[in-house]
Amino acid sequence: MTGFLHAAPRSGSCFSLLGNRELLRHASSRARPNLSAFVTTATVALFVATALLTGCGSANLSGGSSTMAPPPPPAPTAVVLEMASTANDQFSLLDLQIESIDLVNQSGGTVNLFTGPTAPGPGTLEFTHLNGGATPVLQASVPSGVYVGAKMSIGFSRSVCIAVTPAGGIYYDGLGYGASSFPEANLSSPVTLSGRTMVLTLNLEVSQSASLASCAIGNSWVVTPTFSMTPAVIATQPTSPETGKLAELKGQVSSTTPASNSMAVTLVDSFQGSGPTMFSTDAQTAYFGVAGLSGLSPGMFVDLDAAIQSDGSFLAMRIAVEDSTATNAAIGLLLSTSGIAPAFTVANRQFQGASLPVPFWSYSFSNTTNFQISSEFTNVPALPFSASFTGANMVGGQNVYVSSLNFPNGGSPYTPATTVTLLPQTIDGTVSSVSNDGNFDVYTVTLAPYDLFPTLPAQIGLGYTLNDPNQVTVYADSSTQMLNSAPIVPTSVARFHGLIFNDNGNLRMDCNRINDGVPE
């Protein structure tokens, strides 16, 4: 973070008129007050003497005008830029190679926030996993003022849909293009940057950026990245992306500094060459998989939640190490589980370590040491159903984190998975009923036909069956963030974020956030 210049003089200070001709040339003037009605001769003499001794030129009793220095320009604002997305479930992946970002001010001028690589290559930021959430991508010092939009240069982009062929195999269709474009971030009203710190969220409107009639062989579509930009309000105790909470950030520890209770983490969602992000910790930071900051070491993969502070820094609220020995990890959506061998396939969205950036990969879990559930959710034992995640009840469509030691495994058809962790995800669907079960509000949600849960059961040789793959029962308690703009009633379309379990063939979600839905 760059430093800031504080140039304003303190109240009550004065500037010598001697040797400050340049200052006087640019100084503004004002008419002197009429002192004759209320100032005695003795008072005037004392005032003039004091002015001469101190070198102040703020008064001229001989009929001239007083002078004062122009106000200094406002200090720049520390801007934290977040990336987010709003999407339905039509695309399983959409990533963009962002080459530059500029803010546009009222006069049409631009302020550059980021300039990155220009050579075509893999997309540097995947957006579908950010649906309803946010991730920090950069911090910059920006001149205070009014901004009316943003311009971005986009290089390579890729969007992916997944379907099942008539023969029962996976159809994985991706569209990529390398021509640069300059999409503008639209604003409902100008954004004023002022004060010490502000957060700006660039949100990719996925449904407006890419449209597809159906995911079928020979189908085609066009990607036109469309963003909106909004300011976020930093709360003292943030609970959502809109108030400064950043959840489910994936990264690799670069270093730790016990003396300052801090660590440097290279985030998966970061721009090329941006370097590690600093996170501080305090007594309230919760640790999972390690005893504390001293248990972290360079190279470890972490899953963390953080709060943006008033100065733009990040305070880690939760730090989880899913597998302290992992050298590779992939995050993505389960495509299938085999009914013949202990194996599963994942459509990859993100990678850590030496993992190959391939669209999908198959793993063996015959020797998997641990199946676990994201530590972000602490209410799982209180759910009104038996919530579990094992190799026996994995189901296509779930969001998982898979760690391994060897990638690939020298000639073996499958890479041995060390740890498989169930992660939260966002679904977009239509509410068919609303009820209550103890401390939980219960929403029955019908998914669109293109969603992976109803799509994937058409495969052959699966190791699971679902009673109704088109339906997810969602459970929300008092801790669920209700970010929807209208009450949820039957026929409402909403986005639900949480953990999805396979409960004896029934899909159920432990929900921690609800947002307005996206038309299906």
Protein backbone atom coordinates (compact mmCIF):
# COMPACT_ATOMS: atom_id res chain seq x y z
CA MET A 1 0.00 0.00 0.00
CA THR A 2 1.47 3.33 -0.94
CA GLY A 3 1.83 6.08 1.60
CA PHE A 4 -0.26 9.21 1.71
CA LEU A 5 0.82 12.85 1.90
CA HIS A 6 -0.89 14.95 4.60
CA ALA A 7 -0.18 18.55 3.64
CA ALA A 8 -2.87 20.53 5.43
CA PRO A 9 -1.52 23.07 8.03
CA ARG A 10 -2.71 22.71 11.60
CA SER A 11 -5.41 25.05 12.90
CA GLY A 12 -4.00 28.32 14.18
CA SER A 13 -0.71 28.20 12.23
CA CYS A 14 0.45 31.09 10.01
CA PHE A 15 2.85 31.56 7.12
CA SER A 16 5.55 34.28 6.93
CA LEU A 17 4.98 36.75 4.13
CA LEU A 18 8.72 37.26 3.72
CA GLY A 19 10.33 35.02 1.12
CA ASN A 20 6.97 33.50 0.06
CA ARG A 21 6.27 35.47 -3.10
CA GLU A 22 5.33 32.31 -5.00
CA LEU A 23 2.79 31.52 -2.31
CA LEU A 24 1.38 35.06 -2.44
CA ARG A 25 1.12 34.95 -6.22
CA HIS A 26 -1.36 32.07 -5.94
CA ALA A 27 -3.06 33.13 -2.74
CA SER A 28 -6.66 34.24 -2.64
CA SER A 29 -7.72 37.49 -0.94
CA ARG A 30 -10.70 38.71 0.99
CA ALA A 31 -11.83 42.14 2.25
CA ARG A 32 -10.59 43.05 5.71
CA PRO A 33 -13.21 43.37 8.43
CA ASN A 34 -14.13 46.85 9.69
CA LEU A 35 -12.31 47.05 13.03
CA SER A 36 -12.97 50.70 13.85
CA ALA A 37 -16.29 50.09 15.51
CA PHE A 38 -15.03 47.71 18.14
CA VAL A 39 -11.22 47.77 18.38
CA THR A 40 -9.41 50.28 20.61
CA THR A 41 -6.15 51.95 19.66
CA ALA A 42 -4.27 49.91 22.24
CA THR A 43 -5.71 46.71 20.90
CA VAL A 44 -4.72 47.62 17.34
CA ALA A 45 -1.17 48.43 18.43
CA LEU A 46 -0.89 45.12 20.27
CA PHE A 47 -2.31 43.25 17.25
CA VAL A 48 0.16 44.87 14.82
CA ALA A 49 3.11 44.23 17.11
CA THR A 50 2.18 40.62 17.49
CA ALA A 51 1.83 40.22 13.73
CA LEU A 52 5.28 41.72 13.14
CA LEU A 53 6.92 39.49 15.74
CA THR A 54 5.35 36.30 14.45
CA GLY A 55 5.73 37.10 10.78
CA CYS A 56 2.00 36.60 10.10
CA GLY A 57 0.43 38.49 7.23
CA SER A 58 -3.19 37.81 8.03
CA ALA A 59 -4.10 41.42 8.77
CA ASN A 60 -3.37 44.75 7.07
CA LEU A 61 -4.76 47.73 8.98
CA SER A 62 -3.61 50.38 6.50
CA GLY A 63 -6.36 49.65 4.03
CA GLY A 64 -4.88 46.62 2.10
CA SER A 65 -6.42 43.17 1.87
CA SER A 66 -5.59 40.06 3.88
CA THR A 67 -4.15 36.97 2.19
CA MET A 68 -4.34 33.22 2.84
CA ALA A 69 -2.89 30.11 1.21
CA PRO A 70 -5.15 28.01 -1.02
CA PRO A 71 -6.40 24.80 0.56
CA PRO A 72 -4.20 21.79 -0.18
CA PRO A 73 -5.58 19.13 -2.53
CA PRO A 74 -7.44 16.31 -0.77
CA ALA A 75 -5.37 13.31 0.20
CA PRO A 76 -5.76 10.28 -2.07
CA THR A 77 -8.09 7.46 -1.07
CA ALA A 78 -6.91 3.92 -0.48
CA VAL A 79 -9.11 1.79 -2.74
CA VAL A 80 -9.65 -1.93 -2.27
CA LEU A 81 -10.92 -3.39 -5.54
CA GLU A 82 -13.06 -6.54 -5.32
CA MET A 83 -14.28 -8.82 -8.09
CA ALA A 84 -17.70 -10.49 -7.88
CA SER A 85 -20.32 -12.03 -10.13
CA THR A 86 -24.07 -12.45 -10.53
CA ALA A 87 -25.13 -15.60 -12.37
CA ASN A 88 -27.60 -18.40 -12.80
CA ASP A 89 -26.35 -21.99 -13.21
CA GLN A 90 -26.10 -22.15 -17.00
CA PHE A 91 -22.31 -21.91 -17.10
CA SER A 92 -20.02 -24.03 -14.94
CA LEU A 93 -16.99 -21.84 -15.59
CA LEU A 94 -16.26 -18.38 -16.95
CA ASP A 95 -12.80 -16.91 -16.64
CA LEU A 96 -11.21 -13.77 -18.02
CA GLN A 97 -7.68 -12.58 -18.54
CA ILE A 98 -7.85 -9.01 -17.29
CA GLU A 99 -5.11 -6.88 -18.83
CA SER A 100 -5.92 -3.44 -17.45
CA ILE A 101 -8.44 -1.54 -15.33
CA ASP A 102 -8.96 2.23 -15.41
CA LEU A 103 -11.37 4.42 -13.47
CA VAL A 104 -13.07 7.17 -15.48
CA ASN A 105 -13.57 10.57 -13.82
CA GLN A 106 -16.15 13.25 -14.55
CA SER A 107 -14.05 14.97 -17.19
CA GLY A 108 -13.47 11.74 -19.07
CA GLY A 109 -9.92 11.29 -17.81
CA THR A 110 -8.72 7.91 -16.55
CA VAL A 111 -6.78 6.69 -13.53
CA ASN A 112 -5.03 3.37 -14.06
CA LEU A 113 -5.48 0.78 -11.32
CA PHE A 114 -3.83 -2.18 -12.96
CA THR A 115 -1.88 -3.08 -16.08
CA GLY A 116 -0.93 -6.70 -16.54
CA PRO A 117 0.27 -9.13 -19.18
CA THR A 118 -0.84 -8.64 -22.75
CA ALA A 119 0.07 -12.03 -24.20
CA PRO A 120 -2.86 -14.42 -24.70
CA GLY A 121 -3.00 -17.20 -22.14
CA PRO A 122 -5.19 -18.96 -19.60
CA GLY A 123 -7.83 -16.83 -17.95
CA THR A 124 -6.49 -15.32 -14.75
CA LEU A 125 -9.75 -15.00 -12.82
CA GLU A 126 -12.67 -17.44 -12.69
CA PHE A 127 -16.02 -15.78 -11.96
CA THR A 128 -18.72 -18.45 -11.55
CA HIS A 129 -17.43 -19.49 -8.11
CA LEU A 130 -17.76 -15.84 -7.01
CA ASN A 131 -21.54 -15.84 -7.57
CA GLY A 132 -22.90 -13.66 -4.75
CA GLY A 133 -19.47 -13.38 -3.12
CA ALA A 134 -16.35 -11.27 -3.66
CA THR A 135 -12.58 -11.56 -3.71
CA PRO A 136 -9.95 -8.78 -3.38
CA VAL A 137 -7.75 -8.39 -6.45
CA LEU A 138 -5.76 -5.22 -5.80
CA GLN A 139 -5.18 -2.22 -3.56
CA ALA A 140 -4.34 1.20 -4.98
CA SER A 141 -3.99 4.85 -3.98
CA VAL A 142 -6.47 6.84 -6.09
CA PRO A 143 -6.97 10.63 -6.29
CA SER A 144 -10.12 11.64 -4.44
CA GLY A 145 -12.96 12.78 -6.63
CA VAL A 146 -16.05 11.73 -8.54
CA TYR A 147 -15.83 8.74 -10.90
CA VAL A 148 -18.50 7.80 -13.39
CA GLY A 149 -17.31 4.39 -14.56
CA ALA A 150 -14.45 2.03 -15.33
CA LYS A 151 -12.85 0.65 -18.46
CA MET A 152 -11.24 -2.75 -18.73
CA SER A 153 -9.12 -4.47 -21.33
CA ILE A 154 -9.94 -8.17 -21.57
CA GLY A 155 -7.65 -10.63 -23.31
CA PHE A 156 -8.39 -14.34 -23.42
CA SER A 157 -11.75 -15.45 -22.04
CA ARG A 158 -13.38 -18.86 -21.63
CA SER A 159 -16.90 -19.97 -20.80
CA VAL A 160 -17.92 -23.59 -20.25
CA CYS A 161 -21.18 -25.50 -20.17
CA ILE A 162 -21.53 -29.18 -19.27
CA ALA A 163 -24.07 -31.66 -20.57
CA VAL A 164 -24.47 -35.41 -21.03
CA THR A 165 -24.39 -36.96 -24.50
CA PRO A 166 -27.08 -39.40 -25.71
CA ALA A 167 -24.57 -42.21 -25.13
CA GLY A 168 -24.26 -41.25 -21.44
CA GLY A 169 -20.91 -39.51 -21.55
CA ILE A 170 -19.88 -36.03 -20.44
CA TYR A 171 -20.08 -33.22 -22.98
CA TYR A 172 -17.79 -30.41 -21.87
CA ASP A 173 -18.09 -27.44 -24.22
CA GLY A 174 -16.00 -24.32 -23.87
CA LEU A 175 -15.82 -21.16 -25.92
CA GLY A 176 -12.65 -19.09 -25.85
CA TYR A 177 -11.57 -15.99 -27.69
CA GLY A 178 -8.44 -13.88 -27.66
CA ALA A 179 -9.49 -10.56 -29.15
CA SER A 180 -9.17 -7.71 -26.68
CA SER A 181 -12.23 -5.70 -25.79
CA PHE A 182 -12.92 -2.70 -23.60
CA PRO A 183 -16.10 -3.32 -21.60
CA GLU A 184 -17.22 -0.45 -19.42
CA ALA A 185 -18.45 -0.89 -15.86
CA ASN A 186 -21.83 0.77 -15.62
CA LEU A 187 -22.83 2.89 -12.64
CA SER A 188 -26.36 3.68 -11.51
CA SER A 189 -24.91 6.89 -10.08
CA PRO A 190 -21.40 8.39 -9.90
CA VAL A 191 -19.10 7.13 -7.15
CA THR A 192 -17.32 9.69 -4.99
CA LEU A 193 -13.97 8.53 -3.66
CA SER A 194 -13.12 10.36 -0.47
CA GLY A 195 -11.77 9.72 2.97
CA ARG A 196 -9.13 7.26 4.04
CA THR A 197 -10.40 4.00 2.52
CA MET A 198 -13.13 2.84 0.16
CA VAL A 199 -14.08 -0.50 -1.34
CA LEU A 200 -15.19 -0.80 -4.97
CA THR A 201 -16.82 -3.96 -6.29
CA LEU A 202 -16.59 -4.81 -9.99
CA ASN A 203 -19.38 -7.31 -10.60
CA LEU A 204 -19.50 -9.46 -13.73
CA GLU A 205 -23.10 -9.83 -14.91
CA VAL A 206 -22.66 -13.35 -16.26
CA SER A 207 -26.10 -13.74 -17.82
CA GLN A 208 -25.59 -10.49 -19.76
CA SER A 209 -22.01 -11.40 -20.64
CA ALA A 210 -22.72 -14.80 -22.22
CA SER A 211 -25.94 -16.35 -23.45
CA LEU A 212 -26.61 -19.87 -24.62
CA ALA A 213 -29.82 -21.47 -25.88
CA SER A 214 -28.70 -24.92 -24.77
CA CYS A 215 -25.49 -26.81 -24.08
CA ALA A 216 -25.32 -29.04 -27.15
CA ILE A 217 -22.74 -30.17 -29.66
CA GLY A 218 -22.37 -27.60 -32.43
CA ASN A 219 -24.01 -24.82 -30.46
CA SER A 220 -22.23 -21.49 -30.31
CA TRP A 221 -22.37 -18.34 -28.25
CA VAL A 222 -20.66 -15.01 -27.83
CA VAL A 223 -18.91 -13.65 -24.73
CA THR A 224 -19.31 -9.91 -24.17
CA PRO A 225 -18.07 -9.13 -20.64
CA THR A 226 -20.50 -6.79 -18.88
CA PHE A 227 -19.64 -5.32 -15.49
CA SER A 228 -21.29 -3.07 -12.93
CA MET A 229 -19.40 -1.16 -10.24
CA THR A 230 -20.67 -0.28 -6.76
CA PRO A 231 -19.07 1.01 -3.56
CA ALA A 232 -19.22 -1.18 -0.46
CA VAL A 233 -19.62 0.13 3.08
CA ILE A 234 -17.01 -1.13 5.54
CA ALA A 235 -18.64 -2.20 8.81
CA THR A 236 -16.87 -2.56 12.14
CA GLN A 237 -18.00 -6.19 12.26
CA PRO A 238 -18.71 -7.14 8.63
CA THR A 239 -21.01 -10.07 7.94
CA SER A 240 -21.34 -10.04 4.13
CA PRO A 241 -19.43 -8.93 1.01
CA GLU A 242 -21.53 -5.74 1.01
CA THR A 243 -20.12 -4.75 4.42
CA GLY A 244 -16.50 -5.82 3.96
CA LYS A 245 -16.42 -9.54 4.75
CA LEU A 246 -14.50 -11.69 2.28
CA ALA A 247 -15.19 -15.40 2.65
CA GLU A 248 -13.72 -18.61 1.24
CA LEU A 249 -10.48 -17.09 -0.06
CA LYS A 250 -8.04 -19.74 -1.29
CA GLY A 251 -4.30 -19.17 -1.14
CA GLN A 252 -0.84 -20.42 -0.32
CA VAL A 253 1.18 -19.14 2.63
CA SER A 254 4.26 -17.18 1.51
CA SER A 255 5.52 -16.22 4.96
CA THR A 256 4.48 -15.59 8.54
CA THR A 257 5.60 -12.84 10.92
CA PRO A 258 4.83 -13.85 14.52
CA ALA A 259 6.11 -10.53 15.90
CA SER A 260 3.28 -8.67 14.14
CA ASN A 261 0.78 -11.56 14.17
CA SER A 262 0.55 -11.47 10.39
CA MET A 263 1.08 -13.60 7.33
CA ALA A 264 1.55 -13.14 3.60
CA VAL A 265 -0.70 -15.25 1.36
CA THR A 266 -0.61 -15.60 -2.42
CA LEU A 267 -4.28 -15.79 -3.34
CA VAL A 268 -5.57 -18.00 -6.16
CA ASP A 269 -7.82 -15.10 -7.22
CA SER A 270 -5.07 -12.59 -7.86
CA PHE A 271 -3.61 -10.87 -10.89
CA GLN A 272 -0.32 -11.98 -12.38
CA GLY A 273 2.61 -10.31 -10.70
CA SER A 274 0.54 -8.78 -7.90
CA GLY A 275 2.46 -10.66 -5.19
CA PRO A 276 1.17 -11.92 -1.84
CA THR A 277 -1.56 -10.23 0.20
CA MET A 278 -0.93 -9.38 3.87
CA PHE A 279 -3.35 -10.59 6.54
CA SER A 280 -3.18 -9.68 10.21
CA THR A 281 -4.56 -11.92 12.96
CA ASP A 282 -5.83 -11.31 16.47
CA ALA A 283 -7.18 -13.21 19.46
CA GLN A 284 -10.52 -13.72 17.69
CA THR A 285 -9.04 -15.43 14.63
CA ALA A 286 -10.32 -19.01 14.45
CA TYR A 287 -7.93 -21.75 13.27
CA PHE A 288 -8.83 -25.13 11.79
CA GLY A 289 -6.32 -27.83 10.89
CA VAL A 290 -3.49 -25.99 12.68
CA ALA A 291 -3.08 -24.83 16.28
CA GLY A 292 -2.48 -21.19 15.38
CA LEU A 293 -0.28 -18.83 13.41
CA SER A 294 2.81 -20.71 14.59
CA GLY A 295 1.44 -23.85 12.94
CA LEU A 296 1.48 -22.26 9.48
CA SER A 297 4.52 -22.59 7.27
CA PRO A 298 5.41 -21.37 3.77
CA GLY A 299 3.86 -23.53 1.08
CA MET A 300 0.75 -24.52 3.03
CA PHE A 301 -2.61 -24.09 1.31
CA VAL A 302 -5.21 -22.14 3.29
CA ASP A 303 -8.92 -21.38 3.07
CA LEU A 304 -9.72 -18.18 4.93
CA ASP A 305 -12.29 -15.50 5.71
CA ALA A 306 -11.20 -11.90 6.26
CA ALA A 307 -12.60 -8.52 7.25
CA ILE A 308 -11.54 -5.34 5.46
CA GLN A 309 -10.34 -2.81 8.03
CA SER A 310 -10.83 0.96 8.04
CA ASP A 311 -7.31 1.48 6.66
CA GLY A 312 -7.81 -1.00 3.81
CA SER A 313 -5.85 -3.83 5.41
CA PHE A 314 -7.21 -7.36 5.94
CA LEU A 315 -7.88 -9.08 9.27
CA ALA A 316 -8.16 -12.87 9.06
CA MET A 317 -11.30 -14.10 10.81
CA ARG A 318 -10.94 -17.81 9.95
CA ILE A 319 -7.90 -19.74 8.73
CA ALA A 320 -8.33 -23.37 7.70
CA VAL A 321 -5.73 -25.83 6.45
CA GLU A 322 -7.53 -28.70 4.76
CA ASP A 323 -4.36 -30.73 4.23
CA SER A 324 -1.04 -29.60 5.71
CA THR A 325 0.96 -32.03 3.55
CA ALA A 326 -0.64 -31.24 0.18
CA THR A 327 1.54 -30.18 -2.72
CA ASN A 328 -1.36 -29.97 -5.18
CA ALA A 329 -5.00 -28.99 -4.89
CA ALA A 330 -7.90 -28.42 -7.25
CA ILE A 331 -11.28 -26.80 -6.54
CA GLY A 332 -14.28 -27.53 -8.70
CA LEU A 333 -17.55 -29.34 -9.30
CA LEU A 334 -17.95 -33.10 -9.04
CA LEU A 335 -18.93 -34.52 -12.42
CA SER A 336 -19.28 -38.18 -11.59
CA THR A 337 -18.56 -40.90 -9.08
CA SER A 338 -17.88 -44.36 -10.41
CA GLY A 339 -20.14 -47.27 -9.59
CA ILE A 340 -17.29 -49.69 -10.40
CA ALA A 341 -14.18 -48.27 -8.71
CA PRO A 342 -13.60 -45.82 -5.84
CA ALA A 343 -13.04 -42.90 -8.19
CA PHE A 344 -14.56 -39.55 -9.10
CA THR A 345 -14.05 -36.79 -11.67
CA VAL A 346 -13.94 -33.04 -11.04
CA ALA A 347 -14.50 -30.12 -13.42
CA ASN A 348 -11.71 -27.83 -12.22
CA ARG A 349 -12.22 -24.13 -11.57
CA GLN A 350 -9.14 -23.24 -9.52
CA PHE A 351 -5.71 -24.76 -8.90
CA GLN A 352 -3.02 -24.63 -6.24
CA GLY A 353 0.56 -25.86 -6.22
CA ALA A 354 1.77 -27.93 -9.15
CA SER A 355 -1.70 -28.97 -10.31
CA LEU A 356 -2.06 -28.96 -14.06
CA PRO A 357 -4.60 -26.38 -15.33
CA VAL A 358 -6.71 -29.00 -17.11
CA PRO A 359 -10.51 -28.75 -17.54
CA PHE A 360 -11.26 -31.91 -15.56
CA TRP A 361 -9.38 -34.66 -13.74
CA SER A 362 -10.12 -38.06 -12.20
CA TYR A 363 -9.08 -39.12 -8.71
CA SER A 364 -8.98 -42.34 -6.76
CA PHE A 365 -10.20 -42.30 -3.17
CA SER A 366 -9.36 -45.89 -2.24
CA ASN A 367 -6.72 -44.59 0.17
CA THR A 368 -8.18 -41.15 0.90
CA THR A 369 -7.42 -40.36 4.52
CA ASN A 370 -10.06 -37.76 5.12
CA PHE A 371 -13.48 -36.66 3.88
CA GLN A 372 -14.46 -33.44 5.61
CA ILE A 373 -16.83 -30.46 5.59
CA SER A 374 -15.85 -26.79 5.30
CA SER A 375 -15.05 -25.28 8.70
CA GLU A 376 -16.91 -22.11 7.68
CA PHE A 377 -20.17 -23.79 8.74
CA THR A 378 -20.47 -24.39 12.47
CA ASN A 379 -24.20 -25.25 12.63
CA VAL A 380 -24.03 -28.58 10.79
CA PRO A 381 -24.74 -30.66 13.93
CA ALA A 382 -27.94 -28.64 14.51
CA LEU A 383 -29.45 -29.37 11.08
CA PRO A 384 -32.76 -31.29 11.19
CA PHE A 385 -31.28 -34.10 9.08
CA SER A 386 -28.16 -36.24 9.23
CA ALA A 387 -25.60 -34.17 7.30
CA SER A 388 -22.53 -36.10 6.21
CA PHE A 389 -20.01 -36.17 3.39
CA THR A 390 -18.22 -39.41 2.51
CA GLY A 391 -17.01 -41.35 -0.47
CA ALA A 392 -20.27 -43.28 -0.36
CA ASN A 393 -22.59 -40.28 -0.66
CA MET A 394 -20.69 -37.90 -2.94
CA VAL A 395 -22.93 -36.67 -5.73
CA GLY A 396 -22.38 -34.97 -9.07
CA GLY A 397 -22.74 -31.20 -8.84
CA GLN A 398 -21.21 -30.73 -5.37
CA ASN A 399 -18.38 -28.22 -4.96
CA VAL A 400 -15.22 -29.88 -3.61
CA TYR A 401 -11.61 -29.21 -2.71
CA VAL A 402 -9.30 -32.12 -3.57
CA SER A 403 -5.71 -32.30 -2.33
CA SER A 404 -3.01 -34.75 -3.39
CA LEU A 405 0.70 -35.40 -3.03
CA ASN A 406 1.49 -36.57 -6.53
CA PHE A 407 0.07 -35.07 -9.68
CA PRO A 408 -0.25 -36.97 -11.88
CA ASN A 409 0.52 -40.37 -10.42
CA GLY A 410 3.13 -41.86 -12.79
CA GLY A 411 1.13 -43.92 -15.25
CA SER A 412 -1.85 -44.64 -13.00
CA PRO A 413 -5.22 -43.72 -14.54
CA TYR A 414 -6.26 -41.85 -11.40
CA THR A 415 -4.49 -39.48 -9.05
CA PRO A 416 -4.79 -40.61 -5.40
CA ALA A 417 -6.76 -38.00 -3.44
CA THR A 418 -5.46 -37.33 0.06
CA THR A 419 -8.27 -35.13 1.32
CA VAL A 420 -11.68 -34.29 -0.14
CA THR A 421 -13.48 -31.32 1.44
CA LEU A 422 -17.09 -30.32 0.76
CA LEU A 423 -17.20 -26.58 -0.01
CA PRO A 424 -20.14 -24.15 -0.19
CA GLN A 425 -21.62 -23.19 -3.54
CA THR A 426 -24.37 -21.00 -5.01
CA ILE A 427 -27.47 -22.31 -6.75
CA ASP A 428 -30.10 -20.26 -8.57
CA GLY A 429 -33.64 -21.61 -8.52
CA THR A 430 -37.38 -21.05 -8.16
CA VAL A 431 -38.97 -21.45 -4.74
CA SER A 432 -41.95 -23.83 -4.79
CA SER A 433 -42.76 -23.83 -1.06
CA VAL A 434 -41.79 -22.18 2.23
CA SER A 435 -42.10 -23.89 5.62
CA ASN A 436 -40.42 -24.20 9.01
CA ASP A 437 -38.57 -26.98 10.83
CA GLY A 438 -37.52 -26.07 14.37
CA ASN A 439 -35.06 -23.18 14.22
CA PHE A 440 -34.81 -23.35 10.43
CA ASP A 441 -36.79 -21.73 7.65
CA VAL A 442 -37.13 -24.31 4.89
CA TYR A 443 -37.32 -23.48 1.17
CA THR A 444 -38.06 -26.06 -1.49
CA VAL A 445 -36.14 -24.94 -4.59
CA THR A 446 -36.64 -26.18 -8.15
CA LEU A 447 -33.54 -26.02 -10.33
CA ALA A 448 -33.34 -25.15 -14.00
CA PRO A 449 -32.96 -28.19 -16.32
CA TYR A 450 -29.41 -27.14 -17.25
CA ASP A 451 -28.21 -27.22 -13.63
CA LEU A 452 -25.63 -29.96 -13.03
CA PHE A 453 -27.67 -31.76 -10.35
CA PRO A 454 -30.51 -32.68 -12.77
CA THR A 455 -28.14 -32.99 -15.76
CA LEU A 456 -25.46 -35.40 -14.51
CA PRO A 457 -27.65 -38.39 -13.45
CA ALA A 458 -28.10 -39.18 -17.15
CA GLN A 459 -24.55 -40.57 -17.19
CA ILE A 460 -23.93 -44.29 -17.32
CA GLY A 461 -22.11 -46.18 -14.56
CA LEU A 462 -22.72 -43.69 -11.76
CA GLY A 463 -22.18 -44.63 -8.14
CA TYR A 464 -25.22 -42.72 -6.84
CA THR A 465 -28.91 -42.16 -7.48
CA LEU A 466 -31.14 -39.20 -6.57
CA ASN A 467 -34.83 -39.28 -5.75
CA ASP A 468 -35.50 -35.89 -7.33
CA PRO A 469 -32.40 -34.28 -8.88
CA ASN A 470 -34.42 -31.19 -9.88
CA GLN A 471 -35.09 -30.21 -6.27
CA VAL A 472 -32.97 -28.93 -3.37
CA THR A 473 -34.36 -28.38 0.14
CA VAL A 474 -32.69 -25.32 1.65
CA TYR A 475 -32.35 -24.75 5.42
CA ALA A 476 -31.71 -21.22 6.74
CA ASP A 477 -31.36 -20.25 10.41
CA SER A 478 -30.88 -16.97 12.29
CA SER A 479 -27.25 -16.71 11.15
CA THR A 480 -28.16 -16.79 7.45
CA GLN A 481 -27.46 -13.51 5.69
CA MET A 482 -30.71 -12.35 4.07
CA LEU A 483 -29.43 -10.14 1.25
CA ASN A 484 -32.54 -10.48 -0.90
CA SER A 485 -34.51 -7.30 -1.63
CA ALA A 486 -38.00 -8.82 -1.27
CA PRO A 487 -39.53 -11.53 0.95
CA ILE A 488 -39.11 -15.04 -0.38
CA VAL A 489 -42.42 -16.62 -1.31
CA PRO A 490 -43.45 -19.42 -3.69
CA THR A 491 -42.51 -18.45 -7.28
CA SER A 492 -39.58 -16.30 -6.03
CA VAL A 493 -36.30 -16.78 -7.89
CA ALA A 494 -33.34 -16.56 -5.51
CA ARG A 495 -29.70 -17.52 -5.17
CA PHE A 496 -28.88 -19.74 -2.20
CA HIS A 497 -25.30 -20.20 -0.98
CA GLY A 498 -24.26 -23.06 1.26
CA LEU A 499 -23.22 -26.69 1.61
CA ILE A 500 -25.19 -29.26 -0.41
CA PHE A 501 -25.52 -32.75 1.09
CA ASN A 502 -26.80 -36.00 -0.37
CA ASP A 503 -29.17 -37.25 2.33
CA ASN A 504 -30.19 -40.74 1.19
CA GLY A 505 -30.87 -39.54 -2.32
CA ASN A 506 -32.32 -36.15 -1.33
CA LEU A 507 -30.40 -32.90 -1.97
CA ARG A 508 -30.34 -30.60 1.06
CA MET A 509 -28.47 -27.33 1.64
CA ASP A 510 -27.18 -25.75 4.83
CA CYS A 511 -27.56 -22.11 3.70
CA ASN A 512 -25.59 -19.13 5.04
CA ARG A 513 -26.51 -16.48 2.43
CA ILE A 514 -29.51 -15.65 0.23
CA ASN A 515 -29.34 -13.16 -2.64
CA ASP A 516 -31.79 -12.01 -5.27
CA GLY A 517 -32.09 -14.55 -8.07
CA VAL A 518 -31.15 -14.36 -11.72
CA PRO A 519 -33.75 -15.21 -14.39
CA GLU A 520 -33.36 -18.81 -15.48
